Amino acid sequence: PRALGIIPFETRALVVKPLGKGFIVCYTSPVGENDAILGVVLDEGGKAIAPATEIVKTPSPIGWFEVVPNKTGVVAVWAETTASENASIFAVAMDTRGSVISAPSRIGSHAVSWHLHESDGALVLGSISAVPQLDAPKRGPGALIAATGHTITLQQIDQEGRAAGAAVVVANGRQPSRDLDFAEVGGH
């Protein structure tokens, strides 16, 4: 065993993934009044090549995150939860040194459930979204009402952590559901 440094007691999640000949360790941590994802790159012997760096800091709670290696480094994907219990999902790309190389990009919103699938060079986010509906008689502030149906979409994510094309709507107006899982079948 080798100590990597001090990880805060308040850390709620930790992900370790291969990166080149070494690894990247990412974890969530409170930073002041904000939530953050921090990362540290390790060499093949498990030694940190630099101190931990901040990947993203947000005033919204980070409810989930994942790190996916690709040809140029990794893509970090995370969900920021809201007071309505929905989440906005973001992604950002990092190079092989763990440095952020793209601006965070929103790839999903109003998500109540999601699943990230990785395959040969492709990264796909499946999500169930509960988009609030407009109460037509009210119009103006406070005109949004609770969602009456859910939309299931698939969104491909490129290696820069951005949405690649438009999301594919799999189902619209579905009964409320909070469980989603999908798999690749025969290359589709």
N, C-alpha and C. Protein backbone atom coordinates (compact mmCIF):
# COMPACT_ATOMS: atom_id res chain seq x y z
N PRO A 1 0.83 -1.21 0.00
CA PRO A 1 0.00 0.00 0.00
C PRO A 1 0.87 1.26 0.00
N ARG A 2 0.37 2.28 -0.67
CA ARG A 2 1.10 3.54 -0.76
C ARG A 2 0.12 4.68 -0.51
N ALA A 3 0.47 5.58 0.39
CA ALA A 3 -0.37 6.74 0.67
C ALA A 3 -0.31 7.70 -0.51
N LEU A 4 -1.48 8.15 -0.97
CA LEU A 4 -1.55 9.08 -2.09
C LEU A 4 -1.63 10.52 -1.64
N GLY A 5 -1.88 10.72 -0.38
CA GLY A 5 -2.08 12.05 0.15
C GLY A 5 -3.30 12.03 1.05
N ILE A 6 -3.68 13.18 1.49
CA ILE A 6 -4.82 13.26 2.40
C ILE A 6 -6.08 13.52 1.58
N ILE A 7 -7.04 12.61 1.68
CA ILE A 7 -8.33 12.79 1.05
C ILE A 7 -9.29 13.19 2.16
N PRO A 8 -10.05 14.25 1.98
CA PRO A 8 -10.93 14.75 3.04
C PRO A 8 -11.90 13.70 3.56
N PHE A 9 -12.19 13.79 4.84
CA PHE A 9 -13.13 12.88 5.50
C PHE A 9 -14.50 12.93 4.83
N GLU A 10 -14.89 14.09 4.32
CA GLU A 10 -16.22 14.29 3.74
C GLU A 10 -16.36 13.72 2.33
N THR A 11 -15.32 13.07 1.80
CA THR A 11 -15.38 12.48 0.47
C THR A 11 -16.50 11.45 0.41
N ARG A 12 -17.39 11.60 -0.60
CA ARG A 12 -18.54 10.70 -0.71
C ARG A 12 -18.37 9.66 -1.80
N ALA A 13 -17.50 9.92 -2.77
CA ALA A 13 -17.33 8.99 -3.88
C ALA A 13 -15.90 9.06 -4.38
N LEU A 14 -15.40 7.94 -4.88
CA LEU A 14 -14.04 7.86 -5.39
C LEU A 14 -14.04 6.92 -6.58
N VAL A 15 -13.36 7.31 -7.67
CA VAL A 15 -13.27 6.50 -8.88
C VAL A 15 -11.79 6.39 -9.26
N VAL A 16 -11.35 5.18 -9.60
CA VAL A 16 -9.99 4.94 -10.07
C VAL A 16 -10.09 4.31 -11.46
N LYS A 17 -9.39 4.92 -12.45
CA LYS A 17 -9.43 4.41 -13.82
C LYS A 17 -8.02 4.40 -14.40
N PRO A 18 -7.75 3.50 -15.36
CA PRO A 18 -6.45 3.50 -16.03
C PRO A 18 -6.30 4.76 -16.88
N LEU A 19 -5.08 5.27 -16.92
CA LEU A 19 -4.78 6.46 -17.74
C LEU A 19 -3.37 6.29 -18.27
N GLY A 20 -3.25 5.98 -19.56
CA GLY A 20 -1.94 5.70 -20.13
C GLY A 20 -1.33 4.50 -19.43
N LYS A 21 -0.09 4.67 -18.92
CA LYS A 21 0.57 3.60 -18.18
C LYS A 21 0.30 3.69 -16.69
N GLY A 22 -0.48 4.67 -16.27
CA GLY A 22 -0.77 4.85 -14.86
C GLY A 22 -2.26 4.84 -14.60
N PHE A 23 -2.69 5.70 -13.68
CA PHE A 23 -4.08 5.74 -13.25
C PHE A 23 -4.48 7.17 -12.95
N ILE A 24 -5.78 7.41 -12.94
CA ILE A 24 -6.31 8.67 -12.42
C ILE A 24 -7.28 8.32 -11.30
N VAL A 25 -7.13 9.04 -10.19
CA VAL A 25 -8.01 8.87 -9.04
C VAL A 25 -8.79 10.17 -8.91
N CYS A 26 -10.11 10.08 -8.97
CA CYS A 26 -10.97 11.26 -8.82
C CYS A 26 -11.90 11.03 -7.64
N TYR A 27 -12.22 12.11 -6.93
CA TYR A 27 -13.10 12.00 -5.77
C TYR A 27 -13.86 13.30 -5.57
N THR A 28 -15.01 13.18 -4.91
CA THR A 28 -15.82 14.36 -4.59
C THR A 28 -15.43 14.85 -3.21
N SER A 29 -15.53 16.17 -3.04
CA SER A 29 -15.16 16.76 -1.75
C SER A 29 -15.81 18.13 -1.63
N PRO A 30 -16.24 18.50 -0.43
CA PRO A 30 -16.71 19.88 -0.25
C PRO A 30 -15.51 20.83 -0.26
N VAL A 31 -15.68 21.97 -0.92
CA VAL A 31 -14.66 23.02 -0.95
C VAL A 31 -15.38 24.30 -0.55
N GLY A 32 -15.22 24.68 0.70
CA GLY A 32 -15.97 25.83 1.21
C GLY A 32 -17.45 25.52 1.18
N GLU A 33 -18.23 26.38 0.54
CA GLU A 33 -19.67 26.18 0.41
C GLU A 33 -20.04 25.40 -0.84
N ASN A 34 -19.06 24.95 -1.60
CA ASN A 34 -19.29 24.28 -2.87
C ASN A 34 -18.94 22.80 -2.81
N ASP A 35 -19.37 22.06 -3.83
CA ASP A 35 -18.96 20.69 -4.05
C ASP A 35 -17.92 20.70 -5.16
N ALA A 36 -16.99 19.77 -5.12
CA ALA A 36 -15.95 19.71 -6.15
C ALA A 36 -15.61 18.27 -6.47
N ILE A 37 -15.08 18.09 -7.67
CA ILE A 37 -14.45 16.83 -8.05
C ILE A 37 -12.97 17.15 -8.22
N LEU A 38 -12.14 16.40 -7.52
CA LEU A 38 -10.70 16.58 -7.59
C LEU A 38 -10.08 15.33 -8.20
N GLY A 39 -8.91 15.48 -8.80
CA GLY A 39 -8.26 14.33 -9.41
C GLY A 39 -6.76 14.37 -9.22
N VAL A 40 -6.17 13.19 -9.14
CA VAL A 40 -4.73 13.06 -9.06
C VAL A 40 -4.30 11.93 -10.00
N VAL A 41 -3.23 12.17 -10.78
CA VAL A 41 -2.72 11.19 -11.73
C VAL A 41 -1.56 10.45 -11.05
N LEU A 42 -1.58 9.12 -11.19
CA LEU A 42 -0.54 8.25 -10.61
C LEU A 42 0.27 7.61 -11.73
N ASP A 43 1.55 7.40 -11.48
CA ASP A 43 2.35 6.67 -12.45
C ASP A 43 2.06 5.18 -12.31
N GLU A 44 2.71 4.37 -13.13
CA GLU A 44 2.43 2.93 -13.11
C GLU A 44 2.79 2.26 -11.78
N GLY A 45 3.64 2.89 -10.98
CA GLY A 45 3.97 2.36 -9.67
C GLY A 45 3.04 2.84 -8.57
N GLY A 46 2.08 3.71 -8.92
CA GLY A 46 1.12 4.20 -7.94
C GLY A 46 1.54 5.48 -7.24
N LYS A 47 2.60 6.15 -7.74
CA LYS A 47 3.07 7.39 -7.14
C LYS A 47 2.43 8.58 -7.84
N ALA A 48 1.94 9.54 -7.04
CA ALA A 48 1.32 10.74 -7.60
C ALA A 48 2.37 11.53 -8.37
N ILE A 49 2.03 11.94 -9.59
CA ILE A 49 2.99 12.72 -10.39
C ILE A 49 2.84 14.22 -10.14
N ALA A 50 1.76 14.61 -9.47
CA ALA A 50 1.53 16.02 -9.11
C ALA A 50 0.46 16.04 -8.02
N PRO A 51 0.34 17.14 -7.31
CA PRO A 51 -0.73 17.22 -6.30
C PRO A 51 -2.11 17.14 -6.94
N ALA A 52 -3.11 16.82 -6.17
CA ALA A 52 -4.48 16.76 -6.65
C ALA A 52 -4.90 18.12 -7.21
N THR A 53 -5.66 18.08 -8.30
CA THR A 53 -6.15 19.32 -8.91
C THR A 53 -7.67 19.30 -8.96
N GLU A 54 -8.23 20.49 -8.97
CA GLU A 54 -9.69 20.63 -9.01
C GLU A 54 -10.16 20.50 -10.46
N ILE A 55 -11.06 19.55 -10.70
CA ILE A 55 -11.61 19.35 -12.04
C ILE A 55 -12.80 20.27 -12.24
N VAL A 56 -13.66 20.32 -11.25
CA VAL A 56 -14.84 21.20 -11.31
C VAL A 56 -15.26 21.55 -9.90
N LYS A 57 -15.78 22.77 -9.74
CA LYS A 57 -16.35 23.20 -8.46
C LYS A 57 -17.70 23.81 -8.76
N THR A 58 -18.72 23.44 -7.99
CA THR A 58 -20.08 23.90 -8.26
C THR A 58 -20.83 24.15 -6.95
N PRO A 59 -21.72 25.14 -6.93
CA PRO A 59 -22.53 25.37 -5.73
C PRO A 59 -23.62 24.32 -5.55
N SER A 60 -23.92 23.55 -6.59
CA SER A 60 -24.93 22.49 -6.51
C SER A 60 -24.28 21.20 -6.01
N PRO A 61 -25.03 20.39 -5.25
CA PRO A 61 -24.47 19.11 -4.80
C PRO A 61 -24.19 18.17 -5.98
N ILE A 62 -23.04 17.51 -5.94
CA ILE A 62 -22.71 16.51 -6.95
C ILE A 62 -23.26 15.18 -6.45
N GLY A 63 -24.27 14.68 -7.15
CA GLY A 63 -24.95 13.46 -6.72
C GLY A 63 -24.34 12.18 -7.27
N TRP A 64 -23.54 12.31 -8.35
CA TRP A 64 -22.94 11.14 -8.99
C TRP A 64 -21.87 11.62 -9.95
N PHE A 65 -20.84 10.82 -10.18
CA PHE A 65 -19.88 11.12 -11.24
C PHE A 65 -19.20 9.84 -11.70
N GLU A 66 -18.65 9.92 -12.92
CA GLU A 66 -17.91 8.81 -13.50
C GLU A 66 -16.79 9.40 -14.35
N VAL A 67 -15.72 8.64 -14.50
CA VAL A 67 -14.57 9.05 -15.32
C VAL A 67 -14.34 7.94 -16.34
N VAL A 68 -14.26 8.31 -17.63
CA VAL A 68 -14.14 7.32 -18.69
C VAL A 68 -12.89 7.62 -19.52
N PRO A 69 -11.92 6.69 -19.54
CA PRO A 69 -10.71 6.88 -20.36
C PRO A 69 -11.05 6.87 -21.85
N ASN A 70 -10.28 7.64 -22.63
CA ASN A 70 -10.41 7.62 -24.09
C ASN A 70 -9.01 7.76 -24.68
N LYS A 71 -8.90 8.00 -25.98
CA LYS A 71 -7.60 8.05 -26.65
C LYS A 71 -6.73 9.22 -26.21
N THR A 72 -7.35 10.33 -25.80
CA THR A 72 -6.59 11.53 -25.47
C THR A 72 -6.50 11.83 -23.98
N GLY A 73 -7.13 11.04 -23.16
CA GLY A 73 -7.14 11.27 -21.70
C GLY A 73 -8.37 10.63 -21.09
N VAL A 74 -9.23 11.46 -20.50
CA VAL A 74 -10.47 10.95 -19.91
C VAL A 74 -11.57 12.00 -20.08
N VAL A 75 -12.80 11.54 -19.98
CA VAL A 75 -13.96 12.42 -19.90
C VAL A 75 -14.60 12.18 -18.54
N ALA A 76 -14.80 13.26 -17.79
CA ALA A 76 -15.50 13.17 -16.50
C ALA A 76 -16.94 13.61 -16.73
N VAL A 77 -17.88 12.82 -16.22
CA VAL A 77 -19.31 13.10 -16.35
C VAL A 77 -19.88 13.13 -14.94
N TRP A 78 -20.69 14.16 -14.63
CA TRP A 78 -21.26 14.25 -13.28
C TRP A 78 -22.66 14.81 -13.32
N ALA A 79 -23.42 14.55 -12.24
CA ALA A 79 -24.79 15.04 -12.09
C ALA A 79 -24.84 16.00 -10.92
N GLU A 80 -25.35 17.21 -11.18
CA GLU A 80 -25.57 18.20 -10.14
C GLU A 80 -27.06 18.19 -9.80
N THR A 81 -27.38 17.87 -8.56
CA THR A 81 -28.77 17.77 -8.16
C THR A 81 -29.35 19.14 -7.82
N THR A 82 -30.66 19.23 -7.97
CA THR A 82 -31.37 20.49 -7.71
C THR A 82 -32.34 20.28 -6.55
N ALA A 83 -32.95 21.36 -6.11
CA ALA A 83 -33.93 21.29 -5.02
C ALA A 83 -35.13 20.44 -5.41
N SER A 84 -35.43 20.34 -6.70
CA SER A 84 -36.57 19.54 -7.16
C SER A 84 -36.21 18.07 -7.32
N GLU A 85 -35.01 17.69 -6.92
CA GLU A 85 -34.50 16.32 -6.99
C GLU A 85 -34.18 15.87 -8.40
N ASN A 86 -34.28 16.76 -9.38
CA ASN A 86 -33.82 16.46 -10.72
C ASN A 86 -32.34 16.80 -10.79
N ALA A 87 -31.70 16.46 -11.89
CA ALA A 87 -30.27 16.75 -12.01
C ALA A 87 -29.95 17.28 -13.39
N SER A 88 -28.95 18.13 -13.44
CA SER A 88 -28.34 18.53 -14.70
C SER A 88 -27.05 17.71 -14.80
N ILE A 89 -26.78 17.21 -15.99
CA ILE A 89 -25.61 16.35 -16.18
C ILE A 89 -24.62 17.07 -17.08
N PHE A 90 -23.36 17.09 -16.62
CA PHE A 90 -22.29 17.82 -17.31
C PHE A 90 -21.15 16.88 -17.63
N ALA A 91 -20.29 17.31 -18.56
CA ALA A 91 -19.08 16.55 -18.89
C ALA A 91 -17.95 17.52 -19.18
N VAL A 92 -16.72 17.05 -18.97
CA VAL A 92 -15.53 17.83 -19.27
C VAL A 92 -14.42 16.85 -19.66
N ALA A 93 -13.54 17.28 -20.55
CA ALA A 93 -12.42 16.43 -20.98
C ALA A 93 -11.15 16.82 -20.25
N MET A 94 -10.31 15.82 -19.99
CA MET A 94 -9.00 16.03 -19.37
C MET A 94 -7.95 15.30 -20.18
N ASP A 95 -6.73 15.82 -20.16
CA ASP A 95 -5.63 15.16 -20.88
C ASP A 95 -5.00 14.09 -20.00
N THR A 96 -3.93 13.48 -20.49
CA THR A 96 -3.28 12.38 -19.76
C THR A 96 -2.55 12.84 -18.50
N ARG A 97 -2.39 14.15 -18.31
CA ARG A 97 -1.79 14.68 -17.08
C ARG A 97 -2.86 15.05 -16.05
N GLY A 98 -4.15 14.88 -16.43
CA GLY A 98 -5.25 15.22 -15.53
C GLY A 98 -5.65 16.68 -15.59
N SER A 99 -5.13 17.42 -16.59
CA SER A 99 -5.50 18.83 -16.74
C SER A 99 -6.79 18.95 -17.55
N VAL A 100 -7.69 19.81 -17.10
CA VAL A 100 -8.95 20.04 -17.81
C VAL A 100 -8.63 20.75 -19.13
N ILE A 101 -9.16 20.22 -20.24
CA ILE A 101 -8.86 20.79 -21.56
C ILE A 101 -10.10 21.29 -22.29
N SER A 102 -11.26 21.22 -21.65
CA SER A 102 -12.47 21.76 -22.26
C SER A 102 -13.33 22.40 -21.18
N ALA A 103 -14.19 23.30 -21.59
CA ALA A 103 -15.12 23.90 -20.64
C ALA A 103 -16.20 22.87 -20.32
N PRO A 104 -16.72 22.87 -19.08
CA PRO A 104 -17.83 21.95 -18.78
C PRO A 104 -18.99 22.19 -19.74
N SER A 105 -19.61 21.10 -20.17
CA SER A 105 -20.71 21.15 -21.12
C SER A 105 -21.92 20.43 -20.53
N ARG A 106 -23.09 21.09 -20.56
CA ARG A 106 -24.32 20.43 -20.08
C ARG A 106 -24.78 19.46 -21.15
N ILE A 107 -24.92 18.18 -20.77
CA ILE A 107 -25.34 17.16 -21.74
C ILE A 107 -26.69 16.55 -21.39
N GLY A 108 -27.29 16.99 -20.29
CA GLY A 108 -28.61 16.52 -19.89
C GLY A 108 -29.20 17.44 -18.85
N SER A 109 -30.53 17.51 -18.81
CA SER A 109 -31.18 18.34 -17.80
C SER A 109 -32.48 17.70 -17.34
N HIS A 110 -32.94 18.11 -16.17
CA HIS A 110 -34.18 17.60 -15.56
C HIS A 110 -34.15 16.08 -15.40
N ALA A 111 -32.96 15.49 -15.29
CA ALA A 111 -32.82 14.03 -15.22
C ALA A 111 -33.22 13.51 -13.85
N VAL A 112 -34.02 12.45 -13.86
CA VAL A 112 -34.38 11.78 -12.61
C VAL A 112 -33.65 10.44 -12.50
N SER A 113 -33.12 9.97 -13.65
CA SER A 113 -32.36 8.73 -13.68
C SER A 113 -31.45 8.77 -14.90
N TRP A 114 -30.31 8.10 -14.83
CA TRP A 114 -29.39 8.10 -15.94
C TRP A 114 -28.50 6.87 -15.87
N HIS A 115 -27.91 6.57 -17.03
CA HIS A 115 -26.98 5.44 -17.14
C HIS A 115 -25.95 5.83 -18.19
N LEU A 116 -24.69 5.66 -17.88
CA LEU A 116 -23.61 5.97 -18.81
C LEU A 116 -23.07 4.67 -19.38
N HIS A 117 -23.00 4.59 -20.71
CA HIS A 117 -22.52 3.38 -21.38
C HIS A 117 -21.30 3.73 -22.22
N GLU A 118 -20.25 2.95 -22.06
CA GLU A 118 -19.05 3.16 -22.86
C GLU A 118 -18.77 1.93 -23.70
N SER A 119 -18.41 2.16 -24.96
CA SER A 119 -18.02 1.08 -25.85
C SER A 119 -16.91 1.59 -26.74
N ASP A 120 -16.56 0.87 -27.77
CA ASP A 120 -15.43 1.22 -28.64
C ASP A 120 -15.50 2.67 -29.12
N GLY A 121 -14.85 3.55 -28.40
CA GLY A 121 -14.76 4.94 -28.81
C GLY A 121 -16.02 5.77 -28.62
N ALA A 122 -17.09 5.16 -28.15
CA ALA A 122 -18.34 5.90 -27.98
C ALA A 122 -18.72 5.96 -26.50
N LEU A 123 -19.30 7.06 -26.14
CA LEU A 123 -19.79 7.26 -24.79
C LEU A 123 -21.23 7.75 -24.94
N VAL A 124 -22.18 7.04 -24.33
CA VAL A 124 -23.59 7.38 -24.49
C VAL A 124 -24.23 7.54 -23.12
N LEU A 125 -24.94 8.65 -22.94
CA LEU A 125 -25.71 8.89 -21.73
C LEU A 125 -27.17 8.63 -22.02
N GLY A 126 -27.75 7.70 -21.29
CA GLY A 126 -29.19 7.48 -21.36
C GLY A 126 -29.79 8.17 -20.14
N SER A 127 -30.89 8.89 -20.34
CA SER A 127 -31.50 9.56 -19.19
C SER A 127 -33.01 9.58 -19.29
N ILE A 128 -33.63 9.59 -18.12
CA ILE A 128 -35.07 9.81 -18.01
C ILE A 128 -35.22 11.22 -17.47
N SER A 129 -35.91 12.06 -18.21
CA SER A 129 -36.07 13.45 -17.82
C SER A 129 -37.53 13.76 -17.51
N ALA A 130 -37.72 14.56 -16.48
CA ALA A 130 -39.05 15.04 -16.09
C ALA A 130 -39.07 16.53 -16.35
N VAL A 131 -39.39 16.92 -17.56
CA VAL A 131 -39.37 18.33 -17.93
C VAL A 131 -40.66 18.99 -17.44
N PRO A 132 -40.53 20.04 -16.60
CA PRO A 132 -41.75 20.71 -16.12
C PRO A 132 -42.57 21.27 -17.28
N GLN A 133 -43.88 21.17 -17.15
CA GLN A 133 -44.79 21.65 -18.19
C GLN A 133 -45.25 23.06 -17.86
N LEU A 134 -45.57 23.83 -18.87
CA LEU A 134 -46.07 25.19 -18.70
C LEU A 134 -47.57 25.13 -18.44
N ASP A 135 -48.01 25.79 -17.37
CA ASP A 135 -49.42 25.89 -17.05
C ASP A 135 -49.97 27.03 -17.91
N ALA A 136 -50.61 26.70 -19.04
CA ALA A 136 -51.03 27.68 -20.04
C ALA A 136 -51.86 28.83 -19.47
N PRO A 137 -52.83 28.59 -18.56
CA PRO A 137 -53.62 29.72 -18.07
C PRO A 137 -52.81 30.74 -17.27
N LYS A 138 -51.73 30.35 -16.63
CA LYS A 138 -50.98 31.26 -15.75
C LYS A 138 -50.06 32.19 -16.51
N ARG A 139 -49.19 31.68 -17.35
CA ARG A 139 -48.18 32.45 -18.06
C ARG A 139 -47.40 33.34 -17.10
N GLY A 140 -46.12 33.43 -17.25
CA GLY A 140 -45.30 34.29 -16.41
C GLY A 140 -44.67 33.52 -15.26
N PRO A 141 -44.09 34.25 -14.27
CA PRO A 141 -43.42 33.59 -13.15
C PRO A 141 -44.35 32.61 -12.43
N GLY A 142 -43.81 31.49 -12.09
CA GLY A 142 -44.58 30.48 -11.36
C GLY A 142 -45.51 29.68 -12.25
N ALA A 143 -45.36 29.78 -13.57
CA ALA A 143 -46.25 29.09 -14.49
C ALA A 143 -45.85 27.63 -14.73
N LEU A 144 -44.69 27.23 -14.24
CA LEU A 144 -44.27 25.85 -14.43
C LEU A 144 -44.95 24.96 -13.40
N ILE A 145 -45.41 23.80 -13.85
CA ILE A 145 -46.03 22.84 -12.95
C ILE A 145 -45.23 21.54 -13.04
N ALA A 146 -45.53 20.62 -12.17
CA ALA A 146 -44.80 19.35 -12.15
C ALA A 146 -44.98 18.61 -13.47
N ALA A 147 -43.96 17.84 -13.82
CA ALA A 147 -44.00 17.06 -15.05
C ALA A 147 -45.09 16.00 -14.96
N THR A 148 -45.82 15.83 -16.05
CA THR A 148 -46.85 14.81 -16.08
C THR A 148 -46.38 13.57 -16.82
N GLY A 149 -45.29 13.68 -17.54
CA GLY A 149 -44.73 12.54 -18.26
C GLY A 149 -43.22 12.65 -18.30
N HIS A 150 -42.58 11.53 -18.58
CA HIS A 150 -41.13 11.50 -18.62
C HIS A 150 -40.67 11.18 -20.04
N THR A 151 -39.51 11.71 -20.39
CA THR A 151 -38.91 11.47 -21.69
C THR A 151 -37.63 10.66 -21.49
N ILE A 152 -37.45 9.63 -22.28
CA ILE A 152 -36.23 8.81 -22.24
C ILE A 152 -35.41 9.16 -23.48
N THR A 153 -34.15 9.58 -23.26
CA THR A 153 -33.30 9.98 -24.38
C THR A 153 -31.94 9.29 -24.29
N LEU A 154 -31.28 9.21 -25.43
CA LEU A 154 -29.89 8.75 -25.52
C LEU A 154 -29.09 9.89 -26.14
N GLN A 155 -27.98 10.26 -25.49
CA GLN A 155 -27.14 11.35 -25.98
C GLN A 155 -25.71 10.87 -26.10
N GLN A 156 -25.14 10.91 -27.30
CA GLN A 156 -23.75 10.54 -27.49
C GLN A 156 -22.87 11.70 -27.05
N ILE A 157 -21.72 11.38 -26.45
CA ILE A 157 -20.78 12.37 -25.93
C ILE A 157 -19.45 12.17 -26.65
N ASP A 158 -18.87 13.27 -27.17
CA ASP A 158 -17.60 13.15 -27.89
C ASP A 158 -16.42 13.16 -26.91
N GLN A 159 -15.20 13.05 -27.44
CA GLN A 159 -14.01 12.96 -26.60
C GLN A 159 -13.64 14.27 -25.93
N GLU A 160 -14.29 15.36 -26.32
CA GLU A 160 -14.09 16.65 -25.65
C GLU A 160 -15.13 16.88 -24.56
N GLY A 161 -15.98 15.88 -24.30
CA GLY A 161 -16.99 16.01 -23.27
C GLY A 161 -18.19 16.84 -23.69
N ARG A 162 -18.47 16.89 -24.98
CA ARG A 162 -19.60 17.68 -25.49
C ARG A 162 -20.63 16.74 -26.12
N ALA A 163 -21.88 17.20 -26.16
CA ALA A 163 -22.93 16.44 -26.84
C ALA A 163 -22.57 16.32 -28.32
N ALA A 164 -22.61 15.11 -28.83
CA ALA A 164 -22.31 14.85 -30.24
C ALA A 164 -23.64 14.68 -30.97
N GLY A 165 -24.12 15.75 -31.58
CA GLY A 165 -25.41 15.70 -32.27
C GLY A 165 -26.56 15.85 -31.29
N ALA A 166 -27.74 15.74 -31.82
CA ALA A 166 -28.95 15.88 -31.01
C ALA A 166 -29.23 14.58 -30.25
N ALA A 167 -29.88 14.72 -29.11
CA ALA A 167 -30.28 13.54 -28.33
C ALA A 167 -31.36 12.78 -29.11
N VAL A 168 -31.32 11.46 -29.01
CA VAL A 168 -32.32 10.61 -29.64
C VAL A 168 -33.41 10.33 -28.61
N VAL A 169 -34.64 10.70 -28.92
CA VAL A 169 -35.75 10.44 -28.01
C VAL A 169 -36.21 9.01 -28.23
N VAL A 170 -36.10 8.20 -27.19
CA VAL A 170 -36.50 6.79 -27.25
C VAL A 170 -37.98 6.66 -26.93
N ALA A 171 -38.45 7.44 -25.96
CA ALA A 171 -39.87 7.42 -25.57
C ALA A 171 -40.22 8.77 -24.98
N ASN A 172 -41.45 9.21 -25.23
CA ASN A 172 -41.90 10.51 -24.74
C ASN A 172 -43.25 10.34 -24.05
N GLY A 173 -43.47 11.12 -22.98
CA GLY A 173 -44.75 11.07 -22.27
C GLY A 173 -44.96 9.80 -21.48
N ARG A 174 -43.88 9.16 -21.08
CA ARG A 174 -43.97 7.90 -20.32
C ARG A 174 -44.44 8.17 -18.91
N GLN A 175 -44.98 7.14 -18.28
CA GLN A 175 -45.33 7.23 -16.87
C GLN A 175 -44.06 7.47 -16.07
N PRO A 176 -44.16 8.19 -14.95
CA PRO A 176 -42.96 8.45 -14.14
C PRO A 176 -42.21 7.17 -13.80
N SER A 177 -40.91 7.21 -13.97
CA SER A 177 -40.05 6.07 -13.69
C SER A 177 -38.70 6.59 -13.23
N ARG A 178 -38.04 5.88 -12.36
CA ARG A 178 -36.73 6.31 -11.87
C ARG A 178 -35.66 5.25 -12.07
N ASP A 179 -35.87 4.30 -12.96
CA ASP A 179 -34.87 3.26 -13.18
C ASP A 179 -34.58 3.17 -14.66
N LEU A 180 -33.30 3.23 -15.02
CA LEU A 180 -32.90 3.15 -16.42
C LEU A 180 -31.63 2.35 -16.55
N ASP A 181 -31.62 1.44 -17.50
CA ASP A 181 -30.43 0.68 -17.84
C ASP A 181 -30.57 0.31 -19.31
N PHE A 182 -29.49 0.34 -20.04
CA PHE A 182 -29.53 -0.06 -21.45
C PHE A 182 -28.21 -0.71 -21.79
N ALA A 183 -28.20 -1.47 -22.88
CA ALA A 183 -27.01 -2.19 -23.31
C ALA A 183 -26.91 -2.17 -24.82
N GLU A 184 -25.69 -2.35 -25.30
CA GLU A 184 -25.44 -2.43 -26.73
C GLU A 184 -25.74 -3.85 -27.20
N VAL A 185 -26.49 -3.97 -28.31
CA VAL A 185 -26.83 -5.27 -28.85
C VAL A 185 -26.41 -5.30 -30.31
N GLY A 186 -25.51 -6.17 -30.66
CA GLY A 186 -25.08 -6.32 -32.04
C GLY A 186 -24.52 -5.04 -32.65
N GLY A 187 -23.80 -4.25 -31.86
CA GLY A 187 -23.19 -3.03 -32.37
C GLY A 187 -24.14 -1.85 -32.46
N HIS A 188 -25.35 -1.98 -31.91
CA HIS A 188 -26.33 -0.88 -31.94
C HIS A 188 -26.71 -0.47 -30.53
